Amino acid sequence: MINHDQQEYEQTKQLAINFFENNKEIKSLCFGNIRLNNHGLFHLIFKNKNCKRDLKNQIKRFQLLQYIKPVLKNMKYYQEYLEKIENIRVKNHGLIDFRHKIVKYWAFIAVINDRIRIKIILKKIGNGEIFFWSIIPYWKTKHYKDIRFISLHKGDLNED
């Protein structure tokens, strides 16, 4: 028997897969065409190669995918930028190899319907194309008196 969370997960995951299959590119005012590929979908499911995100985290990210198009279509400027050298896995004559490459990240922060604050992260490896990397509910808060605040990101564009 499948519990409610598992059923919701399967439904939202299928919607995410359909979203990626039906949207190979999104037009952006800031960058032109943004690719949607398996790297972004994989990152919504996994934190890294060996560590899967918890179900509720994945469900929330899948539900937010519907906002990617309107945000990227209408935003002229990004709010965050990160550039660093990373060890990237590449195929070299059929063999897997690791190379140091410059990786760039851009983040767009938007408020949707005056209530949902999201961050959309784009990525570019070396001279490649810019592609969708992640979307997260964006709350960066701390404790204030008796109020407990939530933080669902780390501030590292690679991990988020």
N, C-alpha and C. Protein backbone atom coordinates (compact mmCIF):
# COMPACT_ATOMS: atom_id res chain seq x y z
N MET A 1 0.84 -1.19 0.00
CA MET A 1 0.00 0.00 0.00
C MET A 1 0.88 1.25 0.00
N ILE A 2 0.57 2.18 -0.88
CA ILE A 2 1.34 3.42 -1.00
C ILE A 2 0.73 4.48 -0.10
N ASN A 3 1.57 5.13 0.72
CA ASN A 3 1.04 6.18 1.59
C ASN A 3 0.83 7.46 0.79
N HIS A 4 0.21 8.46 1.43
CA HIS A 4 -0.16 9.71 0.77
C HIS A 4 1.06 10.46 0.24
N ASP A 5 2.13 10.53 1.03
CA ASP A 5 3.34 11.24 0.60
C ASP A 5 3.95 10.58 -0.64
N GLN A 6 4.00 9.26 -0.66
CA GLN A 6 4.56 8.54 -1.80
C GLN A 6 3.71 8.75 -3.05
N GLN A 7 2.39 8.76 -2.88
CA GLN A 7 1.49 8.97 -4.01
C GLN A 7 1.65 10.40 -4.55
N GLU A 8 1.72 11.38 -3.65
CA GLU A 8 1.92 12.77 -4.08
C GLU A 8 3.27 12.93 -4.77
N TYR A 9 4.28 12.23 -4.24
CA TYR A 9 5.61 12.28 -4.84
C TYR A 9 5.58 11.75 -6.27
N GLU A 10 4.96 10.61 -6.48
CA GLU A 10 4.90 10.01 -7.81
C GLU A 10 4.17 10.92 -8.80
N GLN A 11 3.08 11.55 -8.35
CA GLN A 11 2.33 12.45 -9.23
C GLN A 11 3.16 13.69 -9.59
N THR A 12 3.77 14.32 -8.61
CA THR A 12 4.55 15.54 -8.88
C THR A 12 5.82 15.21 -9.67
N LYS A 13 6.40 14.04 -9.43
CA LYS A 13 7.58 13.65 -10.20
C LYS A 13 7.22 13.46 -11.67
N GLN A 14 6.08 12.86 -11.93
CA GLN A 14 5.64 12.68 -13.31
C GLN A 14 5.37 14.02 -13.98
N LEU A 15 4.79 14.97 -13.24
CA LEU A 15 4.57 16.31 -13.78
C LEU A 15 5.90 16.98 -14.11
N ALA A 16 6.91 16.79 -13.25
CA ALA A 16 8.24 17.35 -13.49
C ALA A 16 8.87 16.74 -14.73
N ILE A 17 8.77 15.43 -14.87
CA ILE A 17 9.32 14.76 -16.05
C ILE A 17 8.64 15.28 -17.31
N ASN A 18 7.31 15.42 -17.27
CA ASN A 18 6.57 15.95 -18.42
C ASN A 18 7.00 17.38 -18.72
N PHE A 19 7.22 18.18 -17.67
CA PHE A 19 7.66 19.56 -17.86
C PHE A 19 8.99 19.61 -18.61
N PHE A 20 9.94 18.77 -18.21
CA PHE A 20 11.24 18.74 -18.86
C PHE A 20 11.16 18.19 -20.29
N GLU A 21 10.29 17.21 -20.51
CA GLU A 21 10.13 16.65 -21.86
C GLU A 21 9.49 17.65 -22.82
N ASN A 22 8.56 18.47 -22.30
CA ASN A 22 7.82 19.40 -23.15
C ASN A 22 8.49 20.77 -23.28
N ASN A 23 9.49 21.04 -22.49
CA ASN A 23 10.17 22.34 -22.51
C ASN A 23 11.67 22.11 -22.58
N LYS A 24 12.20 22.06 -23.78
CA LYS A 24 13.64 21.86 -23.95
C LYS A 24 14.41 23.16 -23.79
N GLU A 25 13.75 24.30 -24.08
CA GLU A 25 14.37 25.61 -23.94
C GLU A 25 13.35 26.60 -23.41
N ILE A 26 13.85 27.57 -22.65
CA ILE A 26 13.01 28.67 -22.17
C ILE A 26 13.70 29.96 -22.57
N LYS A 27 12.93 30.88 -23.11
CA LYS A 27 13.49 32.18 -23.48
C LYS A 27 13.61 33.05 -22.25
N SER A 28 14.77 33.69 -22.11
CA SER A 28 15.05 34.55 -20.96
C SER A 28 15.43 35.94 -21.47
N LEU A 29 14.92 36.98 -20.83
CA LEU A 29 15.31 38.34 -21.18
C LEU A 29 16.79 38.57 -20.91
N CYS A 30 17.29 37.95 -19.88
CA CYS A 30 18.67 38.17 -19.44
C CYS A 30 19.69 37.41 -20.29
N PHE A 31 19.39 36.16 -20.65
CA PHE A 31 20.38 35.30 -21.31
C PHE A 31 19.98 34.74 -22.67
N GLY A 32 18.79 35.01 -23.13
CA GLY A 32 18.34 34.38 -24.37
C GLY A 32 17.75 33.01 -24.07
N ASN A 33 18.21 31.98 -24.76
CA ASN A 33 17.66 30.63 -24.56
C ASN A 33 18.38 29.91 -23.42
N ILE A 34 17.57 29.35 -22.53
CA ILE A 34 18.06 28.54 -21.41
C ILE A 34 17.64 27.11 -21.68
N ARG A 35 18.59 26.18 -21.61
CA ARG A 35 18.30 24.76 -21.85
C ARG A 35 17.73 24.11 -20.59
N LEU A 36 16.76 23.25 -20.77
CA LEU A 36 16.28 22.39 -19.69
C LEU A 36 16.71 20.98 -20.07
N ASN A 37 17.59 20.39 -19.25
CA ASN A 37 18.10 19.06 -19.57
C ASN A 37 18.04 18.16 -18.34
N ASN A 38 18.55 16.97 -18.48
CA ASN A 38 18.51 15.99 -17.39
C ASN A 38 19.33 16.41 -16.18
N HIS A 39 20.33 17.27 -16.37
CA HIS A 39 21.14 17.71 -15.23
C HIS A 39 20.28 18.43 -14.20
N GLY A 40 19.38 19.30 -14.67
CA GLY A 40 18.50 20.02 -13.77
C GLY A 40 17.52 19.10 -13.07
N LEU A 41 16.91 18.19 -13.82
CA LEU A 41 15.96 17.24 -13.23
C LEU A 41 16.66 16.35 -12.21
N PHE A 42 17.85 15.87 -12.56
CA PHE A 42 18.63 15.04 -11.64
C PHE A 42 18.93 15.80 -10.34
N HIS A 43 19.28 17.10 -10.47
CA HIS A 43 19.62 17.90 -9.30
C HIS A 43 18.40 18.16 -8.40
N LEU A 44 17.21 18.17 -8.97
CA LEU A 44 16.00 18.33 -8.15
C LEU A 44 15.76 17.09 -7.30
N ILE A 45 16.22 15.95 -7.76
CA ILE A 45 16.01 14.68 -7.06
C ILE A 45 17.16 14.36 -6.12
N PHE A 46 18.39 14.67 -6.52
CA PHE A 46 19.58 14.30 -5.75
C PHE A 46 20.36 15.54 -5.32
N LYS A 47 20.90 15.50 -4.10
CA LYS A 47 21.82 16.55 -3.64
C LYS A 47 23.16 16.40 -4.35
N ASN A 48 23.59 15.16 -4.46
CA ASN A 48 24.80 14.83 -5.21
C ASN A 48 24.62 13.42 -5.75
N LYS A 49 25.65 12.89 -6.37
CA LYS A 49 25.54 11.59 -7.04
C LYS A 49 25.05 10.46 -6.13
N ASN A 50 25.39 10.52 -4.85
CA ASN A 50 25.07 9.42 -3.94
C ASN A 50 24.01 9.73 -2.90
N CYS A 51 23.47 10.95 -2.90
CA CYS A 51 22.56 11.35 -1.82
C CYS A 51 21.27 11.94 -2.38
N LYS A 52 20.17 11.24 -2.16
CA LYS A 52 18.87 11.67 -2.65
C LYS A 52 18.26 12.69 -1.68
N ARG A 53 17.54 13.67 -2.20
CA ARG A 53 16.83 14.64 -1.36
C ARG A 53 15.62 13.95 -0.73
N ASP A 54 15.15 14.46 0.42
CA ASP A 54 13.97 13.85 1.04
C ASP A 54 12.73 14.13 0.17
N LEU A 55 11.70 13.33 0.35
CA LEU A 55 10.52 13.39 -0.52
C LEU A 55 9.85 14.76 -0.50
N LYS A 56 9.66 15.34 0.68
CA LYS A 56 8.97 16.63 0.76
C LYS A 56 9.75 17.73 0.04
N ASN A 57 11.07 17.68 0.13
CA ASN A 57 11.92 18.64 -0.56
C ASN A 57 11.75 18.50 -2.07
N GLN A 58 11.76 17.27 -2.56
CA GLN A 58 11.57 17.02 -4.00
C GLN A 58 10.20 17.48 -4.46
N ILE A 59 9.16 17.14 -3.69
CA ILE A 59 7.80 17.52 -4.06
C ILE A 59 7.69 19.04 -4.19
N LYS A 60 8.23 19.77 -3.23
CA LYS A 60 8.17 21.23 -3.26
C LYS A 60 8.88 21.78 -4.49
N ARG A 61 10.03 21.24 -4.81
CA ARG A 61 10.77 21.70 -5.99
C ARG A 61 10.00 21.38 -7.28
N PHE A 62 9.41 20.18 -7.34
CA PHE A 62 8.62 19.81 -8.52
C PHE A 62 7.42 20.77 -8.69
N GLN A 63 6.77 21.11 -7.59
CA GLN A 63 5.61 21.99 -7.65
C GLN A 63 5.99 23.39 -8.12
N LEU A 64 7.20 23.83 -7.82
CA LEU A 64 7.64 25.18 -8.19
C LEU A 64 8.06 25.30 -9.66
N LEU A 65 8.23 24.19 -10.36
CA LEU A 65 8.68 24.23 -11.75
C LEU A 65 7.80 25.10 -12.65
N GLN A 66 6.52 25.16 -12.34
CA GLN A 66 5.59 25.95 -13.17
C GLN A 66 5.95 27.43 -13.21
N TYR A 67 6.75 27.91 -12.28
CA TYR A 67 7.09 29.34 -12.22
C TYR A 67 8.36 29.69 -12.99
N ILE A 68 9.08 28.70 -13.49
CA ILE A 68 10.34 28.98 -14.17
C ILE A 68 10.13 29.86 -15.39
N LYS A 69 9.20 29.48 -16.25
CA LYS A 69 8.98 30.23 -17.49
C LYS A 69 8.63 31.69 -17.25
N PRO A 70 7.60 31.99 -16.44
CA PRO A 70 7.25 33.40 -16.27
C PRO A 70 8.36 34.23 -15.62
N VAL A 71 9.10 33.64 -14.69
CA VAL A 71 10.16 34.40 -14.02
C VAL A 71 11.30 34.68 -15.00
N LEU A 72 11.81 33.67 -15.66
CA LEU A 72 12.93 33.87 -16.58
C LEU A 72 12.53 34.73 -17.78
N LYS A 73 11.29 34.61 -18.21
CA LYS A 73 10.82 35.39 -19.35
C LYS A 73 10.80 36.88 -19.05
N ASN A 74 10.51 37.25 -17.81
CA ASN A 74 10.28 38.65 -17.48
C ASN A 74 11.39 39.34 -16.69
N MET A 75 12.33 38.59 -16.15
CA MET A 75 13.39 39.23 -15.34
C MET A 75 14.58 39.61 -16.21
N LYS A 76 15.00 40.85 -16.10
CA LYS A 76 16.11 41.36 -16.91
C LYS A 76 17.45 41.18 -16.22
N TYR A 77 17.45 41.05 -14.89
CA TYR A 77 18.70 41.01 -14.14
C TYR A 77 18.69 39.86 -13.15
N TYR A 78 19.85 39.26 -12.94
CA TYR A 78 19.99 38.23 -11.93
C TYR A 78 20.39 38.89 -10.61
N GLN A 79 20.12 38.21 -9.50
CA GLN A 79 20.40 38.76 -8.18
C GLN A 79 21.68 38.19 -7.56
N GLU A 80 22.08 37.01 -7.97
CA GLU A 80 23.29 36.39 -7.40
C GLU A 80 24.13 35.81 -8.53
N TYR A 81 25.45 35.79 -8.30
CA TYR A 81 26.38 35.23 -9.29
C TYR A 81 27.52 34.55 -8.54
N LEU A 82 27.93 33.39 -9.03
CA LEU A 82 29.05 32.66 -8.45
C LEU A 82 29.86 32.05 -9.58
N GLU A 83 31.16 32.19 -9.51
CA GLU A 83 32.05 31.59 -10.50
C GLU A 83 33.15 30.87 -9.74
N LYS A 84 33.38 29.61 -10.09
CA LYS A 84 34.44 28.85 -9.42
C LYS A 84 34.95 27.75 -10.34
N ILE A 85 36.09 27.21 -9.99
CA ILE A 85 36.66 26.09 -10.74
C ILE A 85 36.23 24.81 -10.06
N GLU A 86 35.66 23.90 -10.85
CA GLU A 86 35.19 22.62 -10.32
C GLU A 86 35.80 21.49 -11.12
N ASN A 87 35.88 20.34 -10.49
CA ASN A 87 36.34 19.12 -11.13
C ASN A 87 35.13 18.49 -11.82
N ILE A 88 35.08 18.57 -13.15
CA ILE A 88 33.92 18.12 -13.92
C ILE A 88 34.23 16.80 -14.62
N ARG A 89 33.27 15.89 -14.55
CA ARG A 89 33.39 14.59 -15.21
C ARG A 89 33.11 14.75 -16.70
N VAL A 90 34.02 14.29 -17.56
CA VAL A 90 33.85 14.39 -19.01
C VAL A 90 34.23 13.06 -19.65
N LYS A 91 33.67 12.82 -20.84
CA LYS A 91 34.05 11.64 -21.61
C LYS A 91 35.17 12.04 -22.55
N ASN A 92 36.24 11.27 -22.55
CA ASN A 92 37.39 11.55 -23.40
C ASN A 92 37.72 10.27 -24.17
N HIS A 93 37.33 10.21 -25.43
CA HIS A 93 37.54 9.03 -26.28
C HIS A 93 36.94 7.77 -25.64
N GLY A 94 35.72 7.92 -25.12
CA GLY A 94 35.00 6.80 -24.54
C GLY A 94 35.36 6.51 -23.09
N LEU A 95 36.35 7.18 -22.55
CA LEU A 95 36.75 6.98 -21.15
C LEU A 95 36.26 8.15 -20.30
N ILE A 96 35.93 7.86 -19.06
CA ILE A 96 35.51 8.90 -18.13
C ILE A 96 36.76 9.55 -17.54
N ASP A 97 36.78 10.86 -17.58
CA ASP A 97 37.93 11.62 -17.09
C ASP A 97 37.40 12.81 -16.30
N PHE A 98 38.23 13.39 -15.47
CA PHE A 98 37.86 14.58 -14.71
C PHE A 98 38.76 15.73 -15.13
N ARG A 99 38.14 16.88 -15.38
CA ARG A 99 38.88 18.07 -15.80
C ARG A 99 38.44 19.26 -14.96
N HIS A 100 39.38 20.15 -14.69
CA HIS A 100 39.05 21.40 -14.02
C HIS A 100 38.45 22.35 -15.04
N LYS A 101 37.26 22.86 -14.73
CA LYS A 101 36.59 23.81 -15.63
C LYS A 101 36.00 24.93 -14.81
N ILE A 102 35.87 26.09 -15.45
CA ILE A 102 35.20 27.21 -14.80
C ILE A 102 33.70 26.96 -14.89
N VAL A 103 33.04 27.03 -13.75
CA VAL A 103 31.59 26.84 -13.69
C VAL A 103 30.98 28.14 -13.16
N LYS A 104 29.95 28.61 -13.86
CA LYS A 104 29.27 29.85 -13.48
C LYS A 104 27.84 29.53 -13.08
N TYR A 105 27.38 30.20 -12.04
CA TYR A 105 26.01 30.07 -11.55
C TYR A 105 25.36 31.45 -11.49
N TRP A 106 24.09 31.52 -11.88
CA TRP A 106 23.30 32.74 -11.75
C TRP A 106 22.02 32.38 -11.01
N ALA A 107 21.57 33.27 -10.13
CA ALA A 107 20.33 33.03 -9.40
C ALA A 107 19.38 34.21 -9.59
N PHE A 108 18.13 33.87 -9.84
CA PHE A 108 17.05 34.85 -9.95
C PHE A 108 16.13 34.64 -8.76
N ILE A 109 15.84 35.69 -8.03
CA ILE A 109 14.94 35.60 -6.89
C ILE A 109 13.67 36.35 -7.24
N ALA A 110 12.54 35.71 -7.05
CA ALA A 110 11.26 36.33 -7.41
C ALA A 110 10.21 36.03 -6.34
N VAL A 111 9.25 36.92 -6.24
CA VAL A 111 8.09 36.72 -5.38
C VAL A 111 6.89 36.50 -6.29
N ILE A 112 6.24 35.36 -6.13
CA ILE A 112 5.13 34.97 -6.98
C ILE A 112 3.83 35.18 -6.22
N ASN A 113 2.88 35.84 -6.84
CA ASN A 113 1.55 36.08 -6.25
C ASN A 113 1.61 36.71 -4.86
N ASP A 114 2.62 37.52 -4.62
CA ASP A 114 2.81 38.21 -3.33
C ASP A 114 2.92 37.28 -2.13
N ARG A 115 3.26 36.01 -2.36
CA ARG A 115 3.34 35.11 -1.21
C ARG A 115 4.41 34.04 -1.33
N ILE A 116 4.82 33.68 -2.54
CA ILE A 116 5.81 32.61 -2.71
C ILE A 116 7.12 33.24 -3.17
N ARG A 117 8.17 33.06 -2.39
CA ARG A 117 9.49 33.57 -2.75
C ARG A 117 10.33 32.39 -3.23
N ILE A 118 10.83 32.50 -4.46
CA ILE A 118 11.59 31.39 -5.03
C ILE A 118 12.94 31.87 -5.54
N LYS A 119 13.84 30.93 -5.68
CA LYS A 119 15.14 31.19 -6.30
C LYS A 119 15.33 30.17 -7.41
N ILE A 120 15.62 30.69 -8.62
CA ILE A 120 15.90 29.84 -9.78
C ILE A 120 17.39 29.96 -10.08
N ILE A 121 18.07 28.82 -10.19
CA ILE A 121 19.51 28.82 -10.40
C ILE A 121 19.83 28.26 -11.79
N LEU A 122 20.66 28.98 -12.51
CA LEU A 122 21.14 28.56 -13.83
C LEU A 122 22.62 28.25 -13.73
N LYS A 123 23.12 27.41 -14.64
CA LYS A 123 24.51 26.97 -14.57
C LYS A 123 25.11 26.93 -15.97
N LYS A 124 26.41 27.20 -16.03
CA LYS A 124 27.16 27.09 -17.29
C LYS A 124 28.51 26.48 -16.97
N ILE A 125 28.85 25.41 -17.68
CA ILE A 125 30.13 24.73 -17.48
C ILE A 125 31.04 25.08 -18.65
N GLY A 126 32.17 25.69 -18.35
CA GLY A 126 33.13 26.07 -19.39
C GLY A 126 32.50 26.98 -20.42
N ASN A 127 32.66 26.60 -21.70
CA ASN A 127 32.09 27.38 -22.80
C ASN A 127 30.74 26.82 -23.26
N GLY A 128 30.14 25.95 -22.46
CA GLY A 128 28.88 25.32 -22.84
C GLY A 128 27.70 26.25 -22.75
N GLU A 129 26.53 25.67 -22.91
CA GLU A 129 25.29 26.44 -22.87
C GLU A 129 24.86 26.67 -21.42
N ILE A 130 24.10 27.72 -21.22
CA ILE A 130 23.51 27.97 -19.91
C ILE A 130 22.29 27.07 -19.79
N PHE A 131 22.18 26.38 -18.65
CA PHE A 131 21.05 25.49 -18.45
C PHE A 131 20.46 25.65 -17.06
N PHE A 132 19.20 25.23 -16.93
CA PHE A 132 18.51 25.27 -15.64
C PHE A 132 19.19 24.29 -14.70
N TRP A 133 19.49 24.74 -13.47
CA TRP A 133 20.13 23.89 -12.48
C TRP A 133 19.19 23.53 -11.34
N SER A 134 18.46 24.52 -10.80
CA SER A 134 17.65 24.22 -9.64
C SER A 134 16.59 25.30 -9.41
N ILE A 135 15.60 24.95 -8.62
CA ILE A 135 14.62 25.90 -8.12
C ILE A 135 14.34 25.54 -6.68
N ILE A 136 14.27 26.56 -5.84
CA ILE A 136 14.04 26.31 -4.42
C ILE A 136 13.09 27.36 -3.84
N PRO A 137 12.32 26.96 -2.83
CA PRO A 137 11.61 27.99 -2.07
C PRO A 137 12.68 28.76 -1.32
N TYR A 138 12.64 30.05 -1.37
CA TYR A 138 13.75 30.85 -0.86
C TYR A 138 13.36 31.58 0.41
N TRP A 139 13.74 31.00 1.55
CA TRP A 139 13.57 31.66 2.83
C TRP A 139 14.92 31.71 3.50
N LYS A 140 15.37 32.89 3.76
CA LYS A 140 16.64 33.05 4.49
C LYS A 140 16.30 33.89 5.71
N THR A 141 16.05 33.24 6.81
CA THR A 141 15.63 33.96 8.01
C THR A 141 16.35 33.40 9.22
N LYS A 142 16.24 34.12 10.30
CA LYS A 142 16.85 33.69 11.56
C LYS A 142 15.78 33.78 12.65
N HIS A 143 16.16 33.38 13.85
CA HIS A 143 15.22 33.47 14.97
C HIS A 143 15.05 34.92 15.39
N TYR A 144 13.83 35.27 15.73
CA TYR A 144 13.53 36.60 16.24
C TYR A 144 12.56 36.44 17.39
N LYS A 145 13.00 36.74 18.58
CA LYS A 145 12.19 36.60 19.79
C LYS A 145 11.60 35.19 19.85
N ASP A 146 10.27 35.08 19.90
CA ASP A 146 9.62 33.77 20.02
C ASP A 146 9.23 33.17 18.68
N ILE A 147 9.62 33.81 17.61
CA ILE A 147 9.22 33.35 16.28
C ILE A 147 10.29 32.43 15.72
N ARG A 148 9.87 31.30 15.22
CA ARG A 148 10.80 30.35 14.61
C ARG A 148 10.73 30.49 13.09
N PHE A 149 11.87 30.68 12.46
CA PHE A 149 11.92 30.88 11.02
C PHE A 149 12.49 29.64 10.34
N ILE A 150 12.26 29.55 9.05
CA ILE A 150 12.66 28.39 8.27
C ILE A 150 13.73 28.79 7.26
N SER A 151 14.73 27.93 7.06
CA SER A 151 15.70 28.13 6.01
C SER A 151 15.82 26.82 5.22
N LEU A 152 15.46 26.87 3.94
CA LEU A 152 15.47 25.67 3.11
C LEU A 152 16.62 25.66 2.11
N HIS A 153 17.61 26.49 2.32
CA HIS A 153 18.75 26.52 1.41
C HIS A 153 19.99 26.84 2.21
N LYS A 154 21.14 26.62 1.58
CA LYS A 154 22.41 26.84 2.25
C LYS A 154 23.13 28.08 1.77
N GLY A 155 22.66 28.65 0.66
CA GLY A 155 23.31 29.81 0.11
C GLY A 155 24.39 29.47 -0.90
N ASP A 156 24.68 28.20 -1.07
CA ASP A 156 25.64 27.74 -2.06
C ASP A 156 24.88 27.38 -3.33
N LEU A 157 25.09 28.14 -4.41
CA LEU A 157 24.29 27.93 -5.62
C LEU A 157 24.50 26.55 -6.20
N ASN A 158 25.63 25.93 -5.96
CA ASN A 158 25.88 24.58 -6.46
C ASN A 158 25.01 23.57 -5.73
N GLU A 159 24.91 23.67 -4.41
CA GLU A 159 24.14 22.70 -3.62
C GLU A 159 22.65 22.95 -3.67
N ASP A 160 22.23 24.22 -3.68
CA ASP A 160 20.82 24.55 -3.65
C ASP A 160 20.16 24.13 -4.95
